[in-house]
Amino acid sequence: EFTGKSSIVTVKMNGKKEVIEVKIDKTSSMDSDDLEALEDMIMLAFNDAVKKVDKMTEEKMGKYTNAMPGLF
């Protein structure tokens, strides 16, 4: 697991580049229900972006790796 931090946001991800947890500092001025929903939305959006990067990398690198799936 790897953890990235910035001001009030902490993101934890696994070695597969999947976000497994997003935390927003509860001392911020947002309502706690809004914070949980925001954490979930950030996690889903980040994982979606990583999947798109992986797909594009595989498509671009496929011509160099004889299209061996899962290499990148």
PDB file of N, CA and C in Angstrom:
ATOM      1  N   GLU A   1       0.840  -1.181   0.000  1.00  0.00           N
ATOM      2  CA  GLU A   1       0.000   0.000   0.000  1.00  0.00           C
ATOM      3  C   GLU A   1       0.881   1.239   0.000  1.00  0.00           C
ATOM      4  N   PHE A   2       0.399   2.266  -0.686  1.00  0.00           N
ATOM      5  CA  PHE A   2       1.110   3.530  -0.787  1.00  0.00           C
ATOM      6  C   PHE A   2       0.152   4.655  -0.409  1.00  0.00           C
ATOM      7  N   THR A   3       0.675   5.666   0.236  1.00  0.00           N
ATOM      8  CA  THR A   3      -0.161   6.772   0.688  1.00  0.00           C
ATOM      9  C   THR A   3       0.373   8.087   0.137  1.00  0.00           C
ATOM     10  N   GLY A   4      -0.541   8.883  -0.418  1.00  0.00           N
ATOM     11  CA  GLY A   4      -0.208  10.227  -0.889  1.00  0.00           C
ATOM     12  C   GLY A   4      -1.017  11.239  -0.103  1.00  0.00           C
ATOM     13  N   LYS A   5      -0.408  12.375   0.193  1.00  0.00           N
ATOM     14  CA  LYS A   5      -1.095  13.389   0.994  1.00  0.00           C
ATOM     15  C   LYS A   5      -0.960  14.765   0.370  1.00  0.00           C
ATOM     16  N   SER A   6      -2.006  15.570   0.549  1.00  0.00           N
ATOM     17  CA  SER A   6      -1.966  16.987   0.215  1.00  0.00           C
ATOM     18  C   SER A   6      -2.942  17.703   1.130  1.00  0.00           C
ATOM     19  N   SER A   7      -2.579  18.782   1.648  1.00  0.00           N
ATOM     20  CA  SER A   7      -3.347  19.579   2.623  1.00  0.00           C
ATOM     21  C   SER A   7      -4.325  18.733   3.441  1.00  0.00           C
ATOM     22  N   ILE A   8      -5.608  18.649   3.048  1.00  0.00           N
ATOM     23  CA  ILE A   8      -6.596  17.925   3.857  1.00  0.00           C
ATOM     24  C   ILE A   8      -6.983  16.569   3.278  1.00  0.00           C
ATOM     25  N   VAL A   9      -6.344  16.150   2.179  1.00  0.00           N
ATOM     26  CA  VAL A   9      -6.718  14.898   1.508  1.00  0.00           C
ATOM     27  C   VAL A   9      -5.585  13.873   1.606  1.00  0.00           C
ATOM     28  N   THR A  10      -5.951  12.620   1.940  1.00  0.00           N
ATOM     29  CA  THR A  10      -5.021  11.502   1.951  1.00  0.00           C
ATOM     30  C   THR A  10      -5.598  10.407   1.063  1.00  0.00           C
ATOM     31  N   VAL A  11      -4.778   9.865   0.162  1.00  0.00           N
ATOM     32  CA  VAL A  11      -5.201   8.804  -0.740  1.00  0.00           C
ATOM     33  C   VAL A  11      -4.299   7.600  -0.513  1.00  0.00           C
ATOM     34  N   LYS A  12      -4.911   6.423  -0.353  1.00  0.00           N
ATOM     35  CA  LYS A  12      -4.163   5.179  -0.187  1.00  0.00           C
ATOM     36  C   LYS A  12      -4.474   4.294  -1.388  1.00  0.00           C
ATOM     37  N   MET A  13      -3.418   3.735  -1.999  1.00  0.00           N
ATOM     38  CA  MET A  13      -3.635   2.861  -3.143  1.00  0.00           C
ATOM     39  C   MET A  13      -2.767   1.622  -3.028  1.00  0.00           C
ATOM     40  N   ASN A  14      -3.182   0.576  -3.764  1.00  0.00           N
ATOM     41  CA  ASN A  14      -2.424  -0.670  -3.750  1.00  0.00           C
ATOM     42  C   ASN A  14      -1.429  -0.692  -4.901  1.00  0.00           C
ATOM     43  N   GLY A  15      -0.673  -1.761  -5.010  1.00  0.00           N
ATOM     44  CA  GLY A  15       0.337  -1.882  -6.051  1.00  0.00           C
ATOM     45  C   GLY A  15      -0.218  -2.007  -7.457  1.00  0.00           C
ATOM     46  N   LYS A  16      -1.516  -2.199  -7.578  1.00  0.00           N
ATOM     47  CA  LYS A  16      -2.165  -2.267  -8.890  1.00  0.00           C
ATOM     48  C   LYS A  16      -2.663  -0.902  -9.336  1.00  0.00           C
ATOM     49  N   LYS A  17      -2.277   0.146  -8.614  1.00  0.00           N
ATOM     50  CA  LYS A  17      -2.692   1.524  -8.887  1.00  0.00           C
ATOM     51  C   LYS A  17      -4.190   1.726  -8.683  1.00  0.00           C
ATOM     52  N   GLU A  18      -4.792   0.955  -7.784  1.00  0.00           N
ATOM     53  CA  GLU A  18      -6.203   1.103  -7.452  1.00  0.00           C
ATOM     54  C   GLU A  18      -6.312   1.853  -6.131  1.00  0.00           C
ATOM     55  N   VAL A  19      -7.129   2.883  -6.114  1.00  0.00           N
ATOM     56  CA  VAL A  19      -7.342   3.620  -4.874  1.00  0.00           C
ATOM     57  C   VAL A  19      -8.206   2.762  -3.968  1.00  0.00           C
ATOM     58  N   ILE A  20      -7.747   2.555  -2.746  1.00  0.00           N
ATOM     59  CA  ILE A  20      -8.504   1.743  -1.800  1.00  0.00           C
ATOM     60  C   ILE A  20      -9.088   2.581  -0.672  1.00  0.00           C
ATOM     61  N   GLU A  21      -8.620   3.825  -0.566  1.00  0.00           N
ATOM     62  CA  GLU A  21      -9.161   4.669   0.492  1.00  0.00           C
ATOM     63  C   GLU A  21      -8.837   6.133   0.201  1.00  0.00           C
ATOM     64  N   VAL A  22      -9.818   6.986   0.430  1.00  0.00           N
ATOM     65  CA  VAL A  22      -9.641   8.432   0.358  1.00  0.00           C
ATOM     66  C   VAL A  22     -10.141   8.999   1.670  1.00  0.00           C
ATOM     67  N   LYS A  23      -9.337   9.820   2.291  1.00  0.00           N
ATOM     68  CA  LYS A  23      -9.730  10.450   3.543  1.00  0.00           C
ATOM     69  C   LYS A  23      -9.559  11.955   3.427  1.00  0.00           C
ATOM     70  N   ILE A  24     -10.560  12.676   3.903  1.00  0.00           N
ATOM     71  CA  ILE A  24     -10.500  14.130   3.959  1.00  0.00           C
ATOM     72  C   ILE A  24     -10.541  14.519   5.429  1.00  0.00           C
ATOM     73  N   ASP A  25      -9.654  15.401   5.808  1.00  0.00           N
ATOM     74  CA  ASP A  25      -9.553  15.833   7.202  1.00  0.00           C
ATOM     75  C   ASP A  25     -10.920  16.311   7.706  1.00  0.00           C
ATOM     76  N   LYS A  26     -11.415  15.628   8.713  1.00  0.00           N
ATOM     77  CA  LYS A  26     -12.748  15.924   9.251  1.00  0.00           C
ATOM     78  C   LYS A  26     -12.821  17.280   9.956  1.00  0.00           C
ATOM     79  N   THR A  27     -11.676  17.893  10.207  1.00  0.00           N
ATOM     80  CA  THR A  27     -11.705  19.210  10.848  1.00  0.00           C
ATOM     81  C   THR A  27     -11.973  20.324   9.846  1.00  0.00           C
ATOM     82  N   SER A  28     -12.062  19.985   8.565  1.00  0.00           N
ATOM     83  CA  SER A  28     -12.400  21.006   7.573  1.00  0.00           C
ATOM     84  C   SER A  28     -13.843  21.445   7.775  1.00  0.00           C
ATOM     85  N   SER A  29     -14.246  22.473   7.101  1.00  0.00           N
ATOM     86  CA  SER A  29     -15.561  23.070   7.349  1.00  0.00           C
ATOM     87  C   SER A  29     -16.725  22.345   6.668  1.00  0.00           C
ATOM     88  N   MET A  30     -16.476  21.217   6.007  1.00  0.00           N
ATOM     89  CA  MET A  30     -17.544  20.499   5.312  1.00  0.00           C
ATOM     90  C   MET A  30     -18.337  19.614   6.268  1.00  0.00           C
ATOM     91  N   ASP A  31     -19.596  19.362   5.941  1.00  0.00           N
ATOM     92  CA  ASP A  31     -20.468  18.450   6.680  1.00  0.00           C
ATOM     93  C   ASP A  31     -19.931  17.028   6.523  1.00  0.00           C
ATOM     94  N   SER A  32     -20.018  16.202   7.567  1.00  0.00           N
ATOM     95  CA  SER A  32     -19.429  14.855   7.529  1.00  0.00           C
ATOM     96  C   SER A  32     -20.054  13.964   6.459  1.00  0.00           C
ATOM     97  N   ASP A  33     -21.372  14.077   6.207  1.00  0.00           N
ATOM     98  CA  ASP A  33     -21.996  13.284   5.147  1.00  0.00           C
ATOM     99  C   ASP A  33     -21.457  13.695   3.781  1.00  0.00           C
ATOM    100  N   ASP A  34     -21.278  15.007   3.596  1.00  0.00           N
ATOM    101  CA  ASP A  34     -20.720  15.499   2.340  1.00  0.00           C
ATOM    102  C   ASP A  34     -19.288  15.007   2.160  1.00  0.00           C
ATOM    103  N   LEU A  35     -18.534  14.942   3.254  1.00  0.00           N
ATOM    104  CA  LEU A  35     -17.149  14.469   3.179  1.00  0.00           C
ATOM    105  C   LEU A  35     -17.086  13.020   2.721  1.00  0.00           C
ATOM    106  N   GLU A  36     -17.931  12.160   3.260  1.00  0.00           N
ATOM    107  CA  GLU A  36     -17.928  10.750   2.864  1.00  0.00           C
ATOM    108  C   GLU A  36     -18.281  10.591   1.395  1.00  0.00           C
ATOM    109  N   ALA A  37     -19.275  11.326   0.917  1.00  0.00           N
ATOM    110  CA  ALA A  37     -19.659  11.254  -0.488  1.00  0.00           C
ATOM    111  C   ALA A  37     -18.522  11.755  -1.377  1.00  0.00           C
ATOM    112  N   LEU A  38     -17.863  12.829  -0.954  1.00  0.00           N
ATOM    113  CA  LEU A  38     -16.747  13.369  -1.715  1.00  0.00           C
ATOM    114  C   LEU A  38     -15.584  12.381  -1.762  1.00  0.00           C
ATOM    115  N   GLU A  39     -15.298  11.720  -0.645  1.00  0.00           N
ATOM    116  CA  GLU A  39     -14.242  10.712  -0.613  1.00  0.00           C
ATOM    117  C   GLU A  39     -14.519   9.604  -1.618  1.00  0.00           C
ATOM    118  N   ASP A  40     -15.759   9.130  -1.664  1.00  0.00           N
ATOM    119  CA  ASP A  40     -16.129   8.064  -2.602  1.00  0.00           C
ATOM    120  C   ASP A  40     -16.008   8.537  -4.045  1.00  0.00           C
ATOM    121  N   MET A  41     -16.455   9.760  -4.333  1.00  0.00           N
ATOM    122  CA  MET A  41     -16.389  10.284  -5.699  1.00  0.00           C
ATOM    123  C   MET A  41     -14.941  10.446  -6.153  1.00  0.00           C
ATOM    124  N   ILE A  42     -14.062  10.907  -5.259  1.00  0.00           N
ATOM    125  CA  ILE A  42     -12.644  11.049  -5.602  1.00  0.00           C
ATOM    126  C   ILE A  42     -12.043   9.689  -5.904  1.00  0.00           C
ATOM    127  N   MET A  43     -12.344   8.696  -5.076  1.00  0.00           N
ATOM    128  CA  MET A  43     -11.809   7.355  -5.266  1.00  0.00           C
ATOM    129  C   MET A  43     -12.254   6.788  -6.615  1.00  0.00           C
ATOM    130  N   LEU A  44     -13.533   6.896  -6.942  1.00  0.00           N
ATOM    131  CA  LEU A  44     -14.040   6.360  -8.206  1.00  0.00           C
ATOM    132  C   LEU A  44     -13.435   7.079  -9.407  1.00  0.00           C
ATOM    133  N   ALA A  45     -13.331   8.395  -9.331  1.00  0.00           N
ATOM    134  CA  ALA A  45     -12.781   9.167 -10.440  1.00  0.00           C
ATOM    135  C   ALA A  45     -11.303   8.846 -10.651  1.00  0.00           C
ATOM    136  N   PHE A  46     -10.555   8.730  -9.562  1.00  0.00           N
ATOM    137  CA  PHE A  46      -9.135   8.416  -9.672  1.00  0.00           C
ATOM    138  C   PHE A  46      -8.929   7.037 -10.282  1.00  0.00           C
ATOM    139  N   ASN A  47      -9.676   6.052  -9.808  1.00  0.00           N
ATOM    140  CA  ASN A  47      -9.546   4.699 -10.354  1.00  0.00           C
ATOM    141  C   ASN A  47      -9.925   4.653 -11.820  1.00  0.00           C
ATOM    142  N   ASP A  48     -10.931   5.424 -12.232  1.00  0.00           N
ATOM    143  CA  ASP A  48     -11.332   5.489 -13.626  1.00  0.00           C
ATOM    144  C   ASP A  48     -10.202   6.077 -14.479  1.00  0.00           C
ATOM    145  N   ALA A  49      -9.570   7.130 -13.979  1.00  0.00           N
ATOM    146  CA  ALA A  49      -8.471   7.753 -14.715  1.00  0.00           C
ATOM    147  C   ALA A  49      -7.287   6.795 -14.848  1.00  0.00           C
ATOM    148  N   VAL A  50      -6.962   6.062 -13.793  1.00  0.00           N
ATOM    149  CA  VAL A  50      -5.847   5.114 -13.840  1.00  0.00           C
ATOM    150  C   VAL A  50      -6.134   4.010 -14.854  1.00  0.00           C
ATOM    151  N   LYS A  51      -7.373   3.523 -14.904  1.00  0.00           N
ATOM    152  CA  LYS A  51      -7.729   2.491 -15.876  1.00  0.00           C
ATOM    153  C   LYS A  51      -7.550   2.999 -17.303  1.00  0.00           C
ATOM    154  N   LYS A  52      -7.910   4.262 -17.531  1.00  0.00           N
ATOM    155  CA  LYS A  52      -7.762   4.845 -18.866  1.00  0.00           C
ATOM    156  C   LYS A  52      -6.289   4.981 -19.238  1.00  0.00           C
ATOM    157  N   VAL A  53      -5.459   5.366 -18.273  1.00  0.00           N
ATOM    158  CA  VAL A  53      -4.019   5.462 -18.525  1.00  0.00           C
ATOM    159  C   VAL A  53      -3.471   4.081 -18.878  1.00  0.00           C
ATOM    160  N   ASP A  54      -3.845   3.074 -18.095  1.00  0.00           N
ATOM    161  CA  ASP A  54      -3.373   1.712 -18.361  1.00  0.00           C
ATOM    162  C   ASP A  54      -3.812   1.220 -19.736  1.00  0.00           C
ATOM    163  N   LYS A  55      -5.063   1.505 -20.099  1.00  0.00           N
ATOM    164  CA  LYS A  55      -5.581   1.070 -21.397  1.00  0.00           C
ATOM    165  C   LYS A  55      -4.811   1.742 -22.529  1.00  0.00           C
ATOM    166  N   MET A  56      -4.592   3.049 -22.422  1.00  0.00           N
ATOM    167  CA  MET A  56      -3.878   3.772 -23.469  1.00  0.00           C
ATOM    168  C   MET A  56      -2.423   3.304 -23.550  1.00  0.00           C
ATOM    169  N   THR A  57      -1.806   3.059 -22.409  1.00  0.00           N
ATOM    170  CA  THR A  57      -0.425   2.569 -22.386  1.00  0.00           C
ATOM    171  C   THR A  57      -0.333   1.222 -23.083  1.00  0.00           C
ATOM    172  N   GLU A  58      -1.277   0.346 -22.788  1.00  0.00           N
ATOM    173  CA  GLU A  58      -1.270  -0.976 -23.414  1.00  0.00           C
ATOM    174  C   GLU A  58      -1.496  -0.879 -24.919  1.00  0.00           C
ATOM    175  N   GLU A  59      -2.397   0.032 -25.329  1.00  0.00           N
ATOM    176  CA  GLU A  59      -2.647   0.204 -26.760  1.00  0.00           C
ATOM    177  C   GLU A  59      -1.412   0.744 -27.469  1.00  0.00           C
ATOM    178  N   LYS A  60      -0.767   1.740 -26.882  1.00  0.00           N
ATOM    179  CA  LYS A  60       0.405   2.361 -27.510  1.00  0.00           C
ATOM    180  C   LYS A  60       1.614   1.435 -27.483  1.00  0.00           C
ATOM    181  N   MET A  61       1.812   0.728 -26.380  1.00  0.00           N
ATOM    182  CA  MET A  61       2.983  -0.139 -26.245  1.00  0.00           C
ATOM    183  C   MET A  61       2.762  -1.496 -26.895  1.00  0.00           C
ATOM    184  N   GLY A  62       1.523  -1.822 -27.217  1.00  0.00           N
ATOM    185  CA  GLY A  62       1.208  -3.122 -27.806  1.00  0.00           C
ATOM    186  C   GLY A  62       1.982  -3.407 -29.073  1.00  0.00           C
ATOM    187  N   LYS A  63       2.203  -2.387 -29.890  1.00  0.00           N
ATOM    188  CA  LYS A  63       2.933  -2.603 -31.136  1.00  0.00           C
ATOM    189  C   LYS A  63       4.402  -2.939 -30.886  1.00  0.00           C
ATOM    190  N   TYR A  64       4.906  -2.591 -29.719  1.00  0.00           N
ATOM    191  CA  TYR A  64       6.308  -2.883 -29.378  1.00  0.00           C
ATOM    192  C   TYR A  64       6.442  -4.197 -28.597  1.00  0.00           C
ATOM    193  N   THR A  65       5.348  -4.657 -28.005  1.00  0.00           N
ATOM    194  CA  THR A  65       5.395  -5.869 -27.195  1.00  0.00           C
ATOM    195  C   THR A  65       4.641  -7.012 -27.848  1.00  0.00           C
ATOM    196  N   ASN A  66       4.363  -6.874 -29.130  1.00  0.00           N
ATOM    197  CA  ASN A  66       3.600  -7.870 -29.883  1.00  0.00           C
ATOM    198  C   ASN A  66       2.239  -8.116 -29.239  1.00  0.00           C
ATOM    199  N   ALA A  67       1.667  -7.035 -28.694  1.00  0.00           N
ATOM    200  CA  ALA A  67       0.319  -7.051 -28.098  1.00  0.00           C
ATOM    201  C   ALA A  67       0.166  -8.082 -27.007  1.00  0.00           C
ATOM    202  N   MET A  68       1.199  -8.265 -26.204  1.00  0.00           N
ATOM    203  CA  MET A  68       1.097  -9.179 -25.060  1.00  0.00           C
ATOM    204  C   MET A  68       0.298  -8.507 -23.969  1.00  0.00           C
ATOM    205  N   PRO A  69      -0.932  -8.921 -23.740  1.00  0.00           N
ATOM    206  CA  PRO A  69      -1.786  -8.245 -22.758  1.00  0.00           C
ATOM    207  C   PRO A  69      -1.241  -8.353 -21.345  1.00  0.00           C
ATOM    208  N   GLY A  70      -1.447  -7.301 -20.607  1.00  0.00           N
ATOM    209  CA  GLY A  70      -1.059  -7.293 -19.206  1.00  0.00           C
ATOM    210  C   GLY A  70       0.392  -6.946 -18.954  1.00  0.00           C
ATOM    211  N   LEU A  71       1.161  -6.665 -20.001  1.00  0.00           N
ATOM    212  CA  LEU A  71       2.563  -6.343 -19.800  1.00  0.00           C
ATOM    213  C   LEU A  71       2.713  -4.971 -19.155  1.00  0.00           C
ATOM    214  N   PHE A  72       1.837  -4.044 -19.506  1.00  0.00           N
ATOM    215  CA  PHE A  72       1.867  -2.701 -18.913  1.00  0.00           C
ATOM    216  C   PHE A  72       0.598  -2.401 -18.205  1.00  0.00           C
TER     217      PHE A  72
END
